[in-house]
Structure formats: structure tokens, C-alpha cells
Amino acid sequence: MMTFSFEFGSFLLAQMIGLTAENITVFIVYGLVPSMILNCLWMLVFQFIFEKIYL
């Protein structure tokens, strides 16, 4: 969730200052979706280890 918030906030800031002319749909497809997929894979792979450490 922190990664999503940081990426989306950075995109909005870049839009406001005029550093990018990228469309929001392009940002979602090429920026957010890959990071969300990698985060899900990370959690699936390491969920057992995290449960042992933190529970």
C-alpha cells in the first residue's frame, strides 16, 4: 500500500508541476500494475516466512 501511495502521489505531483504530460491510464498500465503484480508475488512467495517471524 505504501508503494502505491508513493507512486500515485509522485505522479500527481509531477502532473501538477508540469514535469510529465503522461496520461493517467498510461501511468496505471505501465507504472502501478507491474508493481502491484510484483508485490502480490512477493507476498505469495514469502507469506510462510513472514507468518513464522511475525506471528
Protein backbone atom coordinates (compact mmCIF):
# COMPACT_ATOMS: atom_id res chain seq x y z
CA MET A 1 0.00 0.00 0.00
CA MET A 2 2.87 2.37 0.74
CA THR A 3 4.35 1.78 -2.72
CA PHE A 4 1.01 2.54 -4.35
CA SER A 5 0.60 5.74 -2.35
CA PHE A 6 4.14 6.89 -3.12
CA GLU A 7 3.88 6.17 -6.85
CA PHE A 8 0.46 7.78 -7.20
CA GLY A 9 1.49 10.80 -5.15
CA SER A 10 4.64 11.22 -7.23
CA PHE A 11 2.62 11.05 -10.42
CA LEU A 12 0.13 13.65 -9.20
CA LEU A 13 2.95 15.94 -8.11
CA ALA A 14 4.66 15.59 -11.50
CA GLN A 15 1.35 16.38 -13.21
CA MET A 16 0.80 19.46 -11.06
CA ILE A 17 4.27 20.93 -11.68
CA GLY A 18 4.20 20.03 -15.37
CA LEU A 19 7.06 17.53 -15.39
CA THR A 20 5.02 14.97 -17.30
CA ALA A 21 2.34 15.01 -19.94
CA GLU A 22 1.62 11.31 -19.42
CA ASN A 23 -1.99 10.21 -19.30
CA ILE A 24 -3.31 8.60 -16.09
CA THR A 25 -4.25 5.39 -17.96
CA VAL A 26 -0.70 5.02 -19.30
CA PHE A 27 0.65 5.54 -15.79
CA ILE A 28 -1.65 2.87 -14.37
CA VAL A 29 -0.79 0.31 -17.06
CA TYR A 30 2.97 0.86 -17.09
CA GLY A 31 3.60 2.01 -13.52
CA LEU A 32 1.12 0.73 -11.00
CA VAL A 33 0.10 -2.65 -12.42
CA PRO A 34 3.64 -4.12 -12.62
CA SER A 35 4.46 -3.01 -9.09
CA MET A 36 1.16 -4.40 -7.76
CA ILE A 37 1.78 -7.74 -9.50
CA LEU A 38 5.32 -7.95 -8.12
CA ASN A 39 4.08 -7.10 -4.61
CA CYS A 40 1.45 -9.85 -4.81
CA LEU A 41 4.03 -12.37 -6.00
CA TRP A 42 6.39 -11.27 -3.22
CA MET A 43 3.71 -11.87 -0.59
CA LEU A 44 2.72 -15.25 -2.06
CA VAL A 45 6.31 -16.45 -2.10
CA PHE A 46 7.30 -15.17 1.34
CA GLN A 47 3.99 -15.40 3.21
CA PHE A 48 5.00 -18.53 5.10
CA ILE A 49 8.27 -16.95 6.25
CA PHE A 50 6.51 -13.75 7.34
CA GLU A 51 3.93 -15.71 9.33
CA LYS A 52 6.66 -17.60 11.18
CA ILE A 53 8.56 -14.41 12.03
CA TYR A 54 5.70 -12.10 12.98
CA LEU A 55 3.09 -14.46 14.43
